[in-house]
PDB file of N, CA and C in Angstrom:
ATOM      1  N   MET A   1       0.852  -1.166   0.000  1.00  0.00           N
ATOM      2  CA  MET A   1       0.000   0.000   0.000  1.00  0.00           C
ATOM      3  C   MET A   1       0.899   1.232   0.000  1.00  0.00           C
ATOM      4  N   GLN A   2       0.580   2.189  -0.839  1.00  0.00           N
ATOM      5  CA  GLN A   2       1.308   3.457  -0.901  1.00  0.00           C
ATOM      6  C   GLN A   2       0.473   4.541  -0.232  1.00  0.00           C
ATOM      7  N   LEU A   3       1.119   5.348   0.587  1.00  0.00           N
ATOM      8  CA  LEU A   3       0.468   6.487   1.230  1.00  0.00           C
ATOM      9  C   LEU A   3       1.071   7.763   0.660  1.00  0.00           C
ATOM     10  N   ALA A   4       0.229   8.593   0.101  1.00  0.00           N
ATOM     11  CA  ALA A   4       0.706   9.854  -0.465  1.00  0.00           C
ATOM     12  C   ALA A   4       1.073  10.808   0.662  1.00  0.00           C
ATOM     13  N   THR A   5       2.156  11.537   0.475  1.00  0.00           N
ATOM     14  CA  THR A   5       2.559  12.559   1.432  1.00  0.00           C
ATOM     15  C   THR A   5       2.651  13.887   0.700  1.00  0.00           C
ATOM     16  N   SER A   6       2.677  14.948   1.466  1.00  0.00           N
ATOM     17  CA  SER A   6       2.816  16.274   0.857  1.00  0.00           C
ATOM     18  C   SER A   6       3.741  17.119   1.728  1.00  0.00           C
ATOM     19  N   GLN A   7       4.301  18.119   1.121  1.00  0.00           N
ATOM     20  CA  GLN A   7       5.189  19.029   1.837  1.00  0.00           C
ATOM     21  C   GLN A   7       4.397  19.713   2.943  1.00  0.00           C
ATOM     22  N   PRO A   8       4.969  19.923   4.079  1.00  0.00           N
ATOM     23  CA  PRO A   8       6.378  19.822   4.418  1.00  0.00           C
ATOM     24  C   PRO A   8       6.770  18.480   5.044  1.00  0.00           C
ATOM     25  N   PHE A   9       5.991  17.425   4.851  1.00  0.00           N
ATOM     26  CA  PHE A   9       6.303  16.124   5.444  1.00  0.00           C
ATOM     27  C   PHE A   9       7.664  15.623   4.970  1.00  0.00           C
ATOM     28  N   SER A  10       8.432  15.096   5.918  1.00  0.00           N
ATOM     29  CA  SER A  10       9.723  14.483   5.612  1.00  0.00           C
ATOM     30  C   SER A  10       9.857  13.231   6.459  1.00  0.00           C
ATOM     31  N   PHE A  11       9.823  12.068   5.828  1.00  0.00           N
ATOM     32  CA  PHE A  11       9.973  10.817   6.572  1.00  0.00           C
ATOM     33  C   PHE A  11      11.359  10.732   7.202  1.00  0.00           C
ATOM     34  N   ALA A  12      12.377  11.264   6.532  1.00  0.00           N
ATOM     35  CA  ALA A  12      13.729  11.274   7.095  1.00  0.00           C
ATOM     36  C   ALA A  12      13.750  12.056   8.410  1.00  0.00           C
ATOM     37  N   GLN A  13      13.052  13.182   8.473  1.00  0.00           N
ATOM     38  CA  GLN A  13      12.989  13.952   9.708  1.00  0.00           C
ATOM     39  C   GLN A  13      12.180  13.220  10.771  1.00  0.00           C
ATOM     40  N   THR A  14      11.146  12.514  10.350  1.00  0.00           N
ATOM     41  CA  THR A  14      10.367  11.708  11.287  1.00  0.00           C
ATOM     42  C   THR A  14      11.243  10.644  11.923  1.00  0.00           C
ATOM     43  N   LEU A  15      12.023   9.936  11.110  1.00  0.00           N
ATOM     44  CA  LEU A  15      12.912   8.910  11.644  1.00  0.00           C
ATOM     45  C   LEU A  15      13.964   9.516  12.574  1.00  0.00           C
ATOM     46  N   ALA A  16      14.511  10.671  12.212  1.00  0.00           N
ATOM     47  CA  ALA A  16      15.503  11.340  13.057  1.00  0.00           C
ATOM     48  C   ALA A  16      14.892  11.709  14.409  1.00  0.00           C
ATOM     49  N   PHE A  17      13.658  12.204  14.393  1.00  0.00           N
ATOM     50  CA  PHE A  17      12.986  12.560  15.646  1.00  0.00           C
ATOM     51  C   PHE A  17      12.774  11.322  16.516  1.00  0.00           C
ATOM     52  N   ILE A  18      12.271  10.247  15.931  1.00  0.00           N
ATOM     53  CA  ILE A  18      12.007   9.026  16.697  1.00  0.00           C
ATOM     54  C   ILE A  18      13.299   8.492  17.320  1.00  0.00           C
ATOM     55  N   ARG A  19      14.411   8.590  16.607  1.00  0.00           N
ATOM     56  CA  ARG A  19      15.704   8.144  17.144  1.00  0.00           C
ATOM     57  C   ARG A  19      16.099   8.932  18.394  1.00  0.00           C
ATOM     58  N   ARG A  20      15.729  10.212  18.449  1.00  0.00           N
ATOM     59  CA  ARG A  20      16.134  11.079  19.555  1.00  0.00           C
ATOM     60  C   ARG A  20      15.098  11.172  20.669  1.00  0.00           C
ATOM     61  N   PHE A  21      13.892  10.687  20.461  1.00  0.00           N
ATOM     62  CA  PHE A  21      12.800  10.865  21.414  1.00  0.00           C
ATOM     63  C   PHE A  21      12.770   9.687  22.386  1.00  0.00           C
ATOM     64  N   PRO A  22      13.184   9.897  23.644  1.00  0.00           N
ATOM     65  CA  PRO A  22      13.315   8.777  24.597  1.00  0.00           C
ATOM     66  C   PRO A  22      12.080   7.885  24.740  1.00  0.00           C
ATOM     67  N   PRO A  23      10.837   8.413  24.772  1.00  0.00           N
ATOM     68  CA  PRO A  23       9.703   7.501  24.922  1.00  0.00           C
ATOM     69  C   PRO A  23       9.529   6.495  23.780  1.00  0.00           C
ATOM     70  N   CYS A  24      10.111   6.772  22.615  1.00  0.00           N
ATOM     71  CA  CYS A  24       9.988   5.863  21.470  1.00  0.00           C
ATOM     72  C   CYS A  24      11.146   4.880  21.364  1.00  0.00           C
ATOM     73  N   GLN A  25      12.196   5.094  22.124  1.00  0.00           N
ATOM     74  CA  GLN A  25      13.359   4.224  22.005  1.00  0.00           C
ATOM     75  C   GLN A  25      12.970   2.806  22.415  1.00  0.00           C
ATOM     76  N   GLY A  26      13.275   1.866  21.559  1.00  0.00           N
ATOM     77  CA  GLY A  26      12.941   0.467  21.801  1.00  0.00           C
ATOM     78  C   GLY A  26      11.577   0.056  21.277  1.00  0.00           C
ATOM     79  N   ASP A  27      10.772   1.006  20.798  1.00  0.00           N
ATOM     80  CA  ASP A  27       9.436   0.670  20.294  1.00  0.00           C
ATOM     81  C   ASP A  27       9.448   0.247  18.831  1.00  0.00           C
ATOM     82  N   PHE A  28      10.465   0.678  18.092  1.00  0.00           N
ATOM     83  CA  PHE A  28      10.526   0.430  16.658  1.00  0.00           C
ATOM     84  C   PHE A  28      11.924  -0.027  16.264  1.00  0.00           C
ATOM     85  N   VAL A  29      12.002  -0.726  15.146  1.00  0.00           N
ATOM     86  CA  VAL A  29      13.284  -1.027  14.525  1.00  0.00           C
ATOM     87  C   VAL A  29      13.439  -0.015  13.395  1.00  0.00           C
ATOM     88  N   LEU A  30      14.534   0.742  13.439  1.00  0.00           N
ATOM     89  CA  LEU A  30      14.746   1.814  12.475  1.00  0.00           C
ATOM     90  C   LEU A  30      15.948   1.515  11.594  1.00  0.00           C
ATOM     91  N   THR A  31      15.816   1.836  10.311  1.00  0.00           N
ATOM     92  CA  THR A  31      16.946   1.826   9.385  1.00  0.00           C
ATOM     93  C   THR A  31      17.036   3.228   8.789  1.00  0.00           C
ATOM     94  N   ASP A  32      17.892   3.406   7.801  1.00  0.00           N
ATOM     95  CA  ASP A  32      18.034   4.725   7.192  1.00  0.00           C
ATOM     96  C   ASP A  32      16.743   5.218   6.546  1.00  0.00           C
ATOM     97  N   ASP A  33      15.921   4.288   6.016  1.00  0.00           N
ATOM     98  CA  ASP A  33      14.723   4.715   5.288  1.00  0.00           C
ATOM     99  C   ASP A  33      13.448   3.995   5.709  1.00  0.00           C
ATOM    100  N   ALA A  34      13.461   3.329   6.872  1.00  0.00           N
ATOM    101  CA  ALA A  34      12.276   2.547   7.249  1.00  0.00           C
ATOM    102  C   ALA A  34      12.083   2.475   8.756  1.00  0.00           C
ATOM    103  N   LEU A  35      10.841   2.260   9.131  1.00  0.00           N
ATOM    104  CA  LEU A  35      10.439   2.041  10.509  1.00  0.00           C
ATOM    105  C   LEU A  35       9.623   0.757  10.539  1.00  0.00           C
ATOM    106  N   THR A  36       9.991  -0.167  11.406  1.00  0.00           N
ATOM    107  CA  THR A  36       9.231  -1.410  11.560  1.00  0.00           C
ATOM    108  C   THR A  36       8.669  -1.452  12.959  1.00  0.00           C
ATOM    109  N   GLY A  37       7.384  -1.776  13.051  1.00  0.00           N
ATOM    110  CA  GLY A  37       6.706  -1.877  14.332  1.00  0.00           C
ATOM    111  C   GLY A  37       5.720  -3.027  14.305  1.00  0.00           C
ATOM    112  N   ALA A  38       4.963  -3.131  15.383  1.00  0.00           N
ATOM    113  CA  ALA A  38       3.972  -4.203  15.472  1.00  0.00           C
ATOM    114  C   ALA A  38       2.726  -3.682  16.168  1.00  0.00           C
ATOM    115  N   VAL A  39       1.617  -4.266  15.803  1.00  0.00           N
ATOM    116  CA  VAL A  39       0.334  -4.029  16.468  1.00  0.00           C
ATOM    117  C   VAL A  39      -0.231  -5.383  16.843  1.00  0.00           C
ATOM    118  N   THR A  40      -1.161  -5.382  17.758  1.00  0.00           N
ATOM    119  CA  THR A  40      -1.841  -6.617  18.128  1.00  0.00           C
ATOM    120  C   THR A  40      -3.239  -6.595  17.527  1.00  0.00           C
ATOM    121  N   LEU A  41      -3.541  -7.603  16.726  1.00  0.00           N
ATOM    122  CA  LEU A  41      -4.865  -7.745  16.119  1.00  0.00           C
ATOM    123  C   LEU A  41      -5.420  -9.103  16.492  1.00  0.00           C
ATOM    124  N   ASP A  42      -6.585  -9.092  17.106  1.00  0.00           N
ATOM    125  CA  ASP A  42      -7.219 -10.338  17.537  1.00  0.00           C
ATOM    126  C   ASP A  42      -6.277 -11.181  18.393  1.00  0.00           C
ATOM    127  N   GLY A  43      -5.502 -10.508  19.248  1.00  0.00           N
ATOM    128  CA  GLY A  43      -4.629 -11.204  20.180  1.00  0.00           C
ATOM    129  C   GLY A  43      -3.338 -11.736  19.589  1.00  0.00           C
ATOM    130  N   ARG A  44      -3.026 -11.370  18.352  1.00  0.00           N
ATOM    131  CA  ARG A  44      -1.770 -11.846  17.777  1.00  0.00           C
ATOM    132  C   ARG A  44      -0.993 -10.672  17.188  1.00  0.00           C
ATOM    133  N   PRO A  45       0.348 -10.747  17.269  1.00  0.00           N
ATOM    134  CA  PRO A  45       1.146  -9.640  16.752  1.00  0.00           C
ATOM    135  C   PRO A  45       1.192  -9.637  15.227  1.00  0.00           C
ATOM    136  N   VAL A  46       1.155  -8.452  14.661  1.00  0.00           N
ATOM    137  CA  VAL A  46       1.259  -8.273  13.216  1.00  0.00           C
ATOM    138  C   VAL A  46       2.305  -7.187  12.968  1.00  0.00           C
ATOM    139  N   LEU A  47       3.326  -7.535  12.209  1.00  0.00           N
ATOM    140  CA  LEU A  47       4.388  -6.589  11.881  1.00  0.00           C
ATOM    141  C   LEU A  47       4.009  -5.718  10.690  1.00  0.00           C
ATOM    142  N   PHE A  48       4.519  -4.487  10.705  1.00  0.00           N
ATOM    143  CA  PHE A  48       4.389  -3.609   9.548  1.00  0.00           C
ATOM    144  C   PHE A  48       5.668  -2.795   9.415  1.00  0.00           C
ATOM    145  N   THR A  49       5.969  -2.392   8.202  1.00  0.00           N
ATOM    146  CA  THR A  49       7.109  -1.527   7.928  1.00  0.00           C
ATOM    147  C   THR A  49       6.639  -0.339   7.108  1.00  0.00           C
ATOM    148  N   LEU A  50       7.024   0.843   7.542  1.00  0.00           N
ATOM    149  CA  LEU A  50       6.824   2.060   6.761  1.00  0.00           C
ATOM    150  C   LEU A  50       8.159   2.362   6.109  1.00  0.00           C
ATOM    151  N   ARG A  51       8.153   2.534   4.796  1.00  0.00           N
ATOM    152  CA  ARG A  51       9.402   2.745   4.061  1.00  0.00           C
ATOM    153  C   ARG A  51       9.220   3.907   3.091  1.00  0.00           C
ATOM    154  N   SER A  52      10.222   4.757   3.036  1.00  0.00           N
ATOM    155  CA  SER A  52      10.200   5.894   2.124  1.00  0.00           C
ATOM    156  C   SER A  52      10.324   5.412   0.682  1.00  0.00           C
ATOM    157  N   ARG A  53       9.419   5.877  -0.176  1.00  0.00           N
ATOM    158  CA  ARG A  53       9.428   5.559  -1.601  1.00  0.00           C
ATOM    159  C   ARG A  53       9.187   6.852  -2.373  1.00  0.00           C
ATOM    160  N   ALA A  54      10.249   7.450  -2.869  1.00  0.00           N
ATOM    161  CA  ALA A  54      10.160   8.725  -3.588  1.00  0.00           C
ATOM    162  C   ALA A  54       9.459   9.742  -2.694  1.00  0.00           C
ATOM    163  N   ASN A  55       8.290  10.230  -3.106  1.00  0.00           N
ATOM    164  CA  ASN A  55       7.554  11.215  -2.302  1.00  0.00           C
ATOM    165  C   ASN A  55       6.442  10.588  -1.483  1.00  0.00           C
ATOM    166  N   ASP A  56       6.389   9.268  -1.439  1.00  0.00           N
ATOM    167  CA  ASP A  56       5.332   8.563  -0.718  1.00  0.00           C
ATOM    168  C   ASP A  56       5.917   7.665   0.364  1.00  0.00           C
ATOM    169  N   LEU A  57       5.026   7.066   1.138  1.00  0.00           N
ATOM    170  CA  LEU A  57       5.404   6.041   2.098  1.00  0.00           C
ATOM    171  C   LEU A  57       4.782   4.728   1.660  1.00  0.00           C
ATOM    172  N   ALA A  58       5.560   3.675   1.714  1.00  0.00           N
ATOM    173  CA  ALA A  58       5.040   2.345   1.429  1.00  0.00           C
ATOM    174  C   ALA A  58       4.794   1.656   2.763  1.00  0.00           C
ATOM    175  N   VAL A  59       3.627   1.015   2.883  1.00  0.00           N
ATOM    176  CA  VAL A  59       3.317   0.194   4.048  1.00  0.00           C
ATOM    177  C   VAL A  59       3.469  -1.252   3.614  1.00  0.00           C
ATOM    178  N   GLU A  60       4.398  -1.950   4.253  1.00  0.00           N
ATOM    179  CA  GLU A  60       4.664  -3.342   3.914  1.00  0.00           C
ATOM    180  C   GLU A  60       4.202  -4.213   5.084  1.00  0.00           C
ATOM    181  N   THR A  61       3.296  -5.143   4.797  1.00  0.00           N
ATOM    182  CA  THR A  61       2.793  -6.064   5.804  1.00  0.00           C
ATOM    183  C   THR A  61       2.113  -7.222   5.100  1.00  0.00           C
ATOM    184  N   THR A  62       1.995  -8.328   5.799  1.00  0.00           N
ATOM    185  CA  THR A  62       1.278  -9.462   5.219  1.00  0.00           C
ATOM    186  C   THR A  62      -0.188  -9.452   5.629  1.00  0.00           C
ATOM    187  N   ASP A  63      -0.572  -8.524   6.499  1.00  0.00           N
ATOM    188  CA  ASP A  63      -1.958  -8.447   6.972  1.00  0.00           C
ATOM    189  C   ASP A  63      -2.556  -7.107   6.555  1.00  0.00           C
ATOM    190  N   PRO A  64      -3.571  -7.102   5.698  1.00  0.00           N
ATOM    191  CA  PRO A  64      -4.136  -5.841   5.220  1.00  0.00           C
ATOM    192  C   PRO A  64      -4.707  -4.973   6.343  1.00  0.00           C
ATOM    193  N   ARG A  65      -5.123  -5.599   7.445  1.00  0.00           N
ATOM    194  CA  ARG A  65      -5.626  -4.794   8.561  1.00  0.00           C
ATOM    195  C   ARG A  65      -4.503  -3.954   9.156  1.00  0.00           C
ATOM    196  N   ALA A  66      -3.289  -4.489   9.189  1.00  0.00           N
ATOM    197  CA  ALA A  66      -2.152  -3.728   9.702  1.00  0.00           C
ATOM    198  C   ALA A  66      -1.854  -2.544   8.785  1.00  0.00           C
ATOM    199  N   ALA A  67      -2.023  -2.731   7.482  1.00  0.00           N
ATOM    200  CA  ALA A  67      -1.818  -1.628   6.544  1.00  0.00           C
ATOM    201  C   ALA A  67      -2.809  -0.509   6.831  1.00  0.00           C
ATOM    202  N   ALA A  68      -4.044  -0.850   7.109  1.00  0.00           N
ATOM    203  CA  ALA A  68      -5.055   0.167   7.413  1.00  0.00           C
ATOM    204  C   ALA A  68      -4.726   0.892   8.714  1.00  0.00           C
ATOM    205  N   ILE A  69      -4.247   0.151   9.707  1.00  0.00           N
ATOM    206  CA  ILE A  69      -3.870   0.778  10.983  1.00  0.00           C
ATOM    207  C   ILE A  69      -2.677   1.712  10.778  1.00  0.00           C
ATOM    208  N   ALA A  70      -1.704   1.269  10.007  1.00  0.00           N
ATOM    209  CA  ALA A  70      -0.538   2.118   9.714  1.00  0.00           C
ATOM    210  C   ALA A  70      -0.987   3.366   8.972  1.00  0.00           C
ATOM    211  N   ALA A  71      -1.900   3.229   8.036  1.00  0.00           N
ATOM    212  CA  ALA A  71      -2.400   4.377   7.288  1.00  0.00           C
ATOM    213  C   ALA A  71      -3.100   5.352   8.231  1.00  0.00           C
ATOM    214  N   ASP A  72      -3.887   4.839   9.179  1.00  0.00           N
ATOM    215  CA  ASP A  72      -4.546   5.707  10.159  1.00  0.00           C
ATOM    216  C   ASP A  72      -3.509   6.403  11.026  1.00  0.00           C
ATOM    217  N   PHE A  73      -2.474   5.673  11.444  1.00  0.00           N
ATOM    218  CA  PHE A  73      -1.423   6.239  12.272  1.00  0.00           C
ATOM    219  C   PHE A  73      -0.715   7.365  11.534  1.00  0.00           C
ATOM    220  N   VAL A  74      -0.345   7.140  10.294  1.00  0.00           N
ATOM    221  CA  VAL A  74       0.350   8.154   9.503  1.00  0.00           C
ATOM    222  C   VAL A  74      -0.562   9.354   9.279  1.00  0.00           C
ATOM    223  N   GLY A  75      -1.830   9.098   9.034  1.00  0.00           N
ATOM    224  CA  GLY A  75      -2.766  10.183   8.800  1.00  0.00           C
ATOM    225  C   GLY A  75      -3.036  11.033  10.023  1.00  0.00           C
ATOM    226  N   SER A  76      -2.783  10.499  11.215  1.00  0.00           N
ATOM    227  CA  SER A  76      -3.075  11.244  12.428  1.00  0.00           C
ATOM    228  C   SER A  76      -1.888  12.059  12.921  1.00  0.00           C
ATOM    229  N   THR A  77      -0.732  11.894  12.270  1.00  0.00           N
ATOM    230  CA  THR A  77       0.447  12.612  12.750  1.00  0.00           C
ATOM    231  C   THR A  77       0.677  13.874  11.976  1.00  0.00           C
TER     232      THR A  77
END
């Protein structure tokens, strides 16, 4: 799933902030261009990755419900 972004959004700045923000430390696995996290759906963990793709964000997951949750999360920030 691709999520459209618009200026002034910067996923690189988002990742930099999360790296420096103590309450988020240990909550996500971060790389140079991606954030991996997990949610619990119906009592089981589901992984998702947000990855920078040109001017958009890609949501990578094997569970479409996790993609929708990630989309809601991104839309609320």
